[in-house]
Amino acid sequence: MDTRILIAIIVAAFALFIVAAIIITRQRKRKHLKQQFGPEYDRAVEQHGDARHAETVLIDREKRVEKFALRPLTPSDRERYAEDWAAIQRRFVDDPSSAVNQADTLVNTVLAARGYPVSDFDQRAADISVNYPSLVQNYRSAREVIQRHTQSQSSTEDLRLAMVNFRSLFDELLDTSKSQKVGASHERLAS
């Protein structure tokens, strides 16, 4: 066999190997992101128009959150926040609007206590999506109700649903077993 043909075959085989490795790596990355982010993955693809761009955004979120010093709440903080939540829930009967605003404030306080930056809402929601992908939509929905309520476009039932949505994230933020796992986000990424 001619040496040039043999070299061409080897180069072509090597190129196919590289292409196959790239495809397999992308598939693994996509699978990881779909598992990690669940419905948030689909939302990101819809929002950004294509999977590659959405995946880049989600990877950037993971990298950002890895840099946070996330920590579990102390038992006394957990108890205090739970008592604060109970008081807010009792206020809901007499003043739903105020109770929902207080619930939002308490969730943000707990996020800050856990180590999440709480500046811009959209960034906060993106950060939360890394560790609480199934609950971030509840958080967004609750905030939408608050915004509609400031324009007198929400009902008491909407406010009640906002409280339920805030509560789902609040409960996860207070949960001790989840709190201890969140600090190990590097371990999750490696698996």
C-alpha atoms as a PDB file:
ATOM      1  CA  MET A   1       0.000   0.000   0.000  1.00  0.00           C
ATOM      2  CA  ASP A   2       1.185   3.479  -0.820  1.00  0.00           C
ATOM      3  CA  THR A   3       2.514   5.481   2.165  1.00  0.00           C
ATOM      4  CA  ARG A   4       0.449   8.532   1.241  1.00  0.00           C
ATOM      5  CA  ILE A   5      -2.752   6.507   1.269  1.00  0.00           C
ATOM      6  CA  LEU A   6      -1.841   4.960   4.613  1.00  0.00           C
ATOM      7  CA  ILE A   7      -1.128   8.405   6.100  1.00  0.00           C
ATOM      8  CA  ALA A   8      -4.429   9.719   4.716  1.00  0.00           C
ATOM      9  CA  ILE A   9      -6.302   6.805   6.289  1.00  0.00           C
ATOM     10  CA  ILE A  10      -4.584   7.373   9.651  1.00  0.00           C
ATOM     11  CA  VAL A  11      -5.328  11.111   9.554  1.00  0.00           C
ATOM     12  CA  ALA A  12      -8.971  10.452   8.621  1.00  0.00           C
ATOM     13  CA  ALA A  13      -9.318   7.880  11.422  1.00  0.00           C
ATOM     14  CA  PHE A  14      -7.774  10.312  13.908  1.00  0.00           C
ATOM     15  CA  ALA A  15     -10.137  13.076  12.752  1.00  0.00           C
ATOM     16  CA  LEU A  16     -13.135  10.756  13.176  1.00  0.00           C
ATOM     17  CA  PHE A  17     -11.913   9.852  16.651  1.00  0.00           C
ATOM     18  CA  ILE A  18     -11.651  13.562  17.596  1.00  0.00           C
ATOM     19  CA  VAL A  19     -15.133  14.296  16.223  1.00  0.00           C
ATOM     20  CA  ALA A  20     -16.592  11.315  18.095  1.00  0.00           C
ATOM     21  CA  ALA A  21     -14.910  12.444  21.327  1.00  0.00           C
ATOM     22  CA  ILE A  22     -16.318  15.961  20.927  1.00  0.00           C
ATOM     23  CA  ILE A  23     -19.831  14.616  20.289  1.00  0.00           C
ATOM     24  CA  ILE A  24     -19.666  12.273  23.291  1.00  0.00           C
ATOM     25  CA  THR A  25     -18.375  15.080  25.532  1.00  0.00           C
ATOM     26  CA  ARG A  26     -21.187  17.400  24.432  1.00  0.00           C
ATOM     27  CA  GLN A  27     -23.780  14.677  25.016  1.00  0.00           C
ATOM     28  CA  ARG A  28     -22.451  14.040  28.519  1.00  0.00           C
ATOM     29  CA  LYS A  29     -22.427  17.756  29.293  1.00  0.00           C
ATOM     30  CA  ARG A  30     -25.997  18.110  27.995  1.00  0.00           C
ATOM     31  CA  LYS A  31     -27.144  15.100  30.041  1.00  0.00           C
ATOM     32  CA  HIS A  32     -25.507  16.540  33.174  1.00  0.00           C
ATOM     33  CA  LEU A  33     -27.141  19.938  32.652  1.00  0.00           C
ATOM     34  CA  LYS A  34     -30.560  18.402  31.996  1.00  0.00           C
ATOM     35  CA  GLN A  35     -30.273  16.354  35.190  1.00  0.00           C
ATOM     36  CA  GLN A  36     -28.889  19.253  37.227  1.00  0.00           C
ATOM     37  CA  PHE A  37     -31.343  21.905  36.059  1.00  0.00           C
ATOM     38  CA  GLY A  38     -34.452  19.890  35.132  1.00  0.00           C
ATOM     39  CA  PRO A  39     -37.192  22.252  33.938  1.00  0.00           C
ATOM     40  CA  GLU A  40     -34.787  25.188  34.201  1.00  0.00           C
ATOM     41  CA  TYR A  41     -32.760  23.638  31.343  1.00  0.00           C
ATOM     42  CA  ASP A  42     -35.809  23.756  29.066  1.00  0.00           C
ATOM     43  CA  ARG A  43     -36.574  27.306  30.171  1.00  0.00           C
ATOM     44  CA  ALA A  44     -33.011  28.383  29.358  1.00  0.00           C
ATOM     45  CA  VAL A  45     -33.163  26.772  25.907  1.00  0.00           C
ATOM     46  CA  GLU A  46     -36.462  28.516  25.215  1.00  0.00           C
ATOM     47  CA  GLN A  47     -35.165  31.835  26.533  1.00  0.00           C
ATOM     48  CA  HIS A  48     -31.846  31.744  24.641  1.00  0.00           C
ATOM     49  CA  GLY A  49     -33.080  30.160  21.425  1.00  0.00           C
ATOM     50  CA  ASP A  50     -30.687  27.242  21.148  1.00  0.00           C
ATOM     51  CA  ALA A  51     -29.264  24.525  23.369  1.00  0.00           C
ATOM     52  CA  ARG A  52     -25.605  25.486  23.014  1.00  0.00           C
ATOM     53  CA  HIS A  53     -26.108  29.061  24.143  1.00  0.00           C
ATOM     54  CA  ALA A  54     -28.403  27.947  26.982  1.00  0.00           C
ATOM     55  CA  GLU A  55     -25.865  25.354  28.104  1.00  0.00           C
ATOM     56  CA  THR A  56     -23.129  27.987  28.194  1.00  0.00           C
ATOM     57  CA  VAL A  57     -25.358  30.175  30.370  1.00  0.00           C
ATOM     58  CA  LEU A  58     -26.143  27.272  32.719  1.00  0.00           C
ATOM     59  CA  ILE A  59     -22.469  26.312  33.029  1.00  0.00           C
ATOM     60  CA  ASP A  60     -21.656  29.938  33.836  1.00  0.00           C
ATOM     61  CA  ARG A  61     -24.328  29.827  36.565  1.00  0.00           C
ATOM     62  CA  GLU A  62     -22.758  26.725  38.053  1.00  0.00           C
ATOM     63  CA  LYS A  63     -19.315  28.326  38.032  1.00  0.00           C
ATOM     64  CA  ARG A  64     -20.680  31.500  39.659  1.00  0.00           C
ATOM     65  CA  VAL A  65     -22.463  29.592  42.435  1.00  0.00           C
ATOM     66  CA  GLU A  66     -19.397  27.393  43.067  1.00  0.00           C
ATOM     67  CA  LYS A  67     -17.600  30.556  44.188  1.00  0.00           C
ATOM     68  CA  PHE A  68     -20.216  31.331  46.862  1.00  0.00           C
ATOM     69  CA  ALA A  69     -19.509  30.427  50.458  1.00  0.00           C
ATOM     70  CA  LEU A  70     -22.819  28.601  50.892  1.00  0.00           C
ATOM     71  CA  ARG A  71     -23.463  27.398  54.388  1.00  0.00           C
ATOM     72  CA  PRO A  72     -26.190  25.713  56.387  1.00  0.00           C
ATOM     73  CA  LEU A  73     -28.176  27.699  58.894  1.00  0.00           C
ATOM     74  CA  THR A  74     -27.461  27.280  62.557  1.00  0.00           C
ATOM     75  CA  PRO A  75     -30.204  25.529  64.521  1.00  0.00           C
ATOM     76  CA  SER A  76     -31.052  28.786  66.314  1.00  0.00           C
ATOM     77  CA  ASP A  77     -31.305  30.704  63.006  1.00  0.00           C
ATOM     78  CA  ARG A  78     -33.428  27.940  61.521  1.00  0.00           C
ATOM     79  CA  GLU A  79     -35.777  28.083  64.508  1.00  0.00           C
ATOM     80  CA  ARG A  80     -35.978  31.884  64.431  1.00  0.00           C
ATOM     81  CA  TYR A  81     -36.744  31.944  60.705  1.00  0.00           C
ATOM     82  CA  ALA A  82     -39.385  29.240  61.142  1.00  0.00           C
ATOM     83  CA  GLU A  83     -41.036  31.337  63.863  1.00  0.00           C
ATOM     84  CA  ASP A  84     -40.891  34.404  61.605  1.00  0.00           C
ATOM     85  CA  TRP A  85     -42.568  32.421  58.838  1.00  0.00           C
ATOM     86  CA  ALA A  86     -45.321  31.227  61.169  1.00  0.00           C
ATOM     87  CA  ALA A  87     -46.013  34.835  62.193  1.00  0.00           C
ATOM     88  CA  ILE A  88     -46.174  35.913  58.549  1.00  0.00           C
ATOM     89  CA  GLN A  89     -48.611  33.114  57.760  1.00  0.00           C
ATOM     90  CA  ARG A  90     -50.869  34.198  60.642  1.00  0.00           C
ATOM     91  CA  ARG A  91     -50.845  37.774  59.272  1.00  0.00           C
ATOM     92  CA  PHE A  92     -51.974  36.542  55.868  1.00  0.00           C
ATOM     93  CA  VAL A  93     -55.584  36.200  57.048  1.00  0.00           C
ATOM     94  CA  ASP A  94     -55.843  39.874  57.978  1.00  0.00           C
ATOM     95  CA  ASP A  95     -53.452  41.415  55.453  1.00  0.00           C
ATOM     96  CA  PRO A  96     -52.526  39.114  52.532  1.00  0.00           C
ATOM     97  CA  SER A  97     -50.624  41.788  50.627  1.00  0.00           C
ATOM     98  CA  SER A  98     -48.358  42.674  53.520  1.00  0.00           C
ATOM     99  CA  ALA A  99     -47.824  39.011  54.394  1.00  0.00           C
ATOM    100  CA  VAL A 100     -46.670  38.165  50.861  1.00  0.00           C
ATOM    101  CA  ASN A 101     -44.237  41.086  50.854  1.00  0.00           C
ATOM    102  CA  GLN A 102     -42.907  39.970  54.235  1.00  0.00           C
ATOM    103  CA  ALA A 103     -42.570  36.406  52.944  1.00  0.00           C
ATOM    104  CA  ASP A 104     -40.493  37.707  50.034  1.00  0.00           C
ATOM    105  CA  THR A 105     -38.307  39.671  52.420  1.00  0.00           C
ATOM    106  CA  LEU A 106     -37.853  36.661  54.717  1.00  0.00           C
ATOM    107  CA  VAL A 107     -36.897  34.374  51.828  1.00  0.00           C
ATOM    108  CA  ASN A 108     -34.305  36.938  50.743  1.00  0.00           C
ATOM    109  CA  THR A 109     -33.016  37.187  54.317  1.00  0.00           C
ATOM    110  CA  VAL A 110     -32.616  33.414  54.507  1.00  0.00           C
ATOM    111  CA  LEU A 111     -30.900  33.357  51.110  1.00  0.00           C
ATOM    112  CA  ALA A 112     -28.426  35.953  52.361  1.00  0.00           C
ATOM    113  CA  ALA A 113     -27.885  34.020  55.592  1.00  0.00           C
ATOM    114  CA  ARG A 114     -27.128  30.911  53.526  1.00  0.00           C
ATOM    115  CA  GLY A 115     -24.533  32.827  51.484  1.00  0.00           C
ATOM    116  CA  TYR A 116     -26.399  33.792  48.320  1.00  0.00           C
ATOM    117  CA  PRO A 117     -25.966  37.354  47.071  1.00  0.00           C
ATOM    118  CA  VAL A 118     -29.365  39.034  47.039  1.00  0.00           C
ATOM    119  CA  SER A 119     -28.927  42.042  44.791  1.00  0.00           C
ATOM    120  CA  ASP A 120     -30.825  41.762  41.489  1.00  0.00           C
ATOM    121  CA  PHE A 121     -33.869  39.458  41.350  1.00  0.00           C
ATOM    122  CA  ASP A 122     -33.043  37.908  37.978  1.00  0.00           C
ATOM    123  CA  GLN A 123     -29.491  37.123  39.064  1.00  0.00           C
ATOM    124  CA  ARG A 124     -30.758  35.782  42.395  1.00  0.00           C
ATOM    125  CA  ALA A 125     -33.216  33.487  40.593  1.00  0.00           C
ATOM    126  CA  ALA A 126     -30.441  32.296  38.266  1.00  0.00           C
ATOM    127  CA  ASP A 127     -28.214  31.572  41.273  1.00  0.00           C
ATOM    128  CA  ILE A 128     -30.989  29.709  43.062  1.00  0.00           C
ATOM    129  CA  SER A 129     -31.629  27.598  39.961  1.00  0.00           C
ATOM    130  CA  VAL A 130     -28.282  25.845  40.396  1.00  0.00           C
ATOM    131  CA  ASN A 131     -29.189  24.215  43.724  1.00  0.00           C
ATOM    132  CA  TYR A 132     -32.999  24.459  43.613  1.00  0.00           C
ATOM    133  CA  PRO A 133     -33.909  24.028  39.938  1.00  0.00           C
ATOM    134  CA  SER A 134     -37.350  22.585  40.626  1.00  0.00           C
ATOM    135  CA  LEU A 135     -38.263  25.463  42.964  1.00  0.00           C
ATOM    136  CA  VAL A 136     -36.915  28.487  41.124  1.00  0.00           C
ATOM    137  CA  GLN A 137     -40.047  28.701  38.971  1.00  0.00           C
ATOM    138  CA  ASN A 138     -42.145  28.877  42.150  1.00  0.00           C
ATOM    139  CA  TYR A 139     -39.942  31.750  43.288  1.00  0.00           C
ATOM    140  CA  ARG A 140     -40.365  33.548  39.969  1.00  0.00           C
ATOM    141  CA  SER A 141     -44.139  32.983  40.039  1.00  0.00           C
ATOM    142  CA  ALA A 142     -44.408  34.411  43.546  1.00  0.00           C
ATOM    143  CA  ARG A 143     -42.448  37.486  42.514  1.00  0.00           C
ATOM    144  CA  GLU A 144     -44.677  37.951  39.461  1.00  0.00           C
ATOM    145  CA  VAL A 145     -47.704  38.000  41.759  1.00  0.00           C
ATOM    146  CA  ILE A 146     -46.076  40.705  43.866  1.00  0.00           C
ATOM    147  CA  GLN A 147     -45.403  42.781  40.766  1.00  0.00           C
ATOM    148  CA  ARG A 148     -48.970  42.330  39.493  1.00  0.00           C
ATOM    149  CA  HIS A 149     -50.310  43.167  42.934  1.00  0.00           C
ATOM    150  CA  THR A 150     -48.522  46.525  42.951  1.00  0.00           C
ATOM    151  CA  GLN A 151     -50.579  47.280  39.833  1.00  0.00           C
ATOM    152  CA  SER A 152     -53.777  45.937  41.459  1.00  0.00           C
ATOM    153  CA  GLN A 153     -53.840  42.986  39.065  1.00  0.00           C
ATOM    154  CA  SER A 154     -53.829  40.064  41.477  1.00  0.00           C
ATOM    155  CA  SER A 155     -56.483  38.436  43.602  1.00  0.00           C
ATOM    156  CA  THR A 156     -56.340  37.078  47.124  1.00  0.00           C
ATOM    157  CA  GLU A 157     -56.055  33.614  45.583  1.00  0.00           C
ATOM    158  CA  ASP A 158     -53.006  34.797  43.612  1.00  0.00           C
ATOM    159  CA  LEU A 159     -51.492  36.055  46.869  1.00  0.00           C
ATOM    160  CA  ARG A 160     -52.246  32.735  48.540  1.00  0.00           C
ATOM    161  CA  LEU A 161     -50.466  30.892  45.726  1.00  0.00           C
ATOM    162  CA  ALA A 162     -47.523  33.280  46.069  1.00  0.00           C
ATOM    163  CA  MET A 163     -47.296  32.356  49.762  1.00  0.00           C
ATOM    164  CA  VAL A 164     -47.357  28.662  48.848  1.00  0.00           C
ATOM    165  CA  ASN A 165     -44.618  29.221  46.274  1.00  0.00           C
ATOM    166  CA  PHE A 166     -42.456  31.222  48.669  1.00  0.00           C
ATOM    167  CA  ARG A 167     -43.009  28.532  51.291  1.00  0.00           C
ATOM    168  CA  SER A 168     -41.710  25.771  49.030  1.00  0.00           C
ATOM    169  CA  LEU A 169     -38.367  27.535  48.607  1.00  0.00           C
ATOM    170  CA  PHE A 170     -38.295  28.679  52.236  1.00  0.00           C
ATOM    171  CA  ASP A 171     -38.753  25.094  53.451  1.00  0.00           C
ATOM    172  CA  GLU A 172     -35.896  23.878  51.265  1.00  0.00           C
ATOM    173  CA  LEU A 173     -33.627  26.669  52.433  1.00  0.00           C
ATOM    174  CA  LEU A 174     -34.292  25.743  56.068  1.00  0.00           C
ATOM    175  CA  ASP A 175     -33.944  21.967  55.608  1.00  0.00           C
ATOM    176  CA  THR A 176     -30.800  20.747  57.338  1.00  0.00           C
ATOM    177  CA  SER A 177     -30.062  17.747  55.135  1.00  0.00           C
ATOM    178  CA  LYS A 178     -30.381  19.842  51.975  1.00  0.00           C
ATOM    179  CA  SER A 179     -28.326  22.634  53.531  1.00  0.00           C
ATOM    180  CA  GLN A 180     -25.427  20.310  54.121  1.00  0.00           C
ATOM    181  CA  LYS A 181     -25.607  18.967  50.555  1.00  0.00           C
ATOM    182  CA  VAL A 182     -25.663  22.413  48.953  1.00  0.00           C
ATOM    183  CA  GLY A 183     -22.214  23.195  50.293  1.00  0.00           C
ATOM    184  CA  ALA A 184     -20.885  20.200  48.359  1.00  0.00           C
ATOM    185  CA  SER A 185     -21.799  21.411  44.881  1.00  0.00           C
ATOM    186  CA  HIS A 186     -18.311  20.519  43.635  1.00  0.00           C
ATOM    187  CA  GLU A 187     -19.002  16.855  44.461  1.00  0.00           C
ATOM    188  CA  ARG A 188     -22.271  16.900  42.498  1.00  0.00           C
ATOM    189  CA  LEU A 189     -20.552  18.331  39.441  1.00  0.00           C
ATOM    190  CA  ALA A 190     -17.906  15.625  39.492  1.00  0.00           C
ATOM    191  CA  SER A 191     -20.425  12.791  39.430  1.00  0.00           C
END
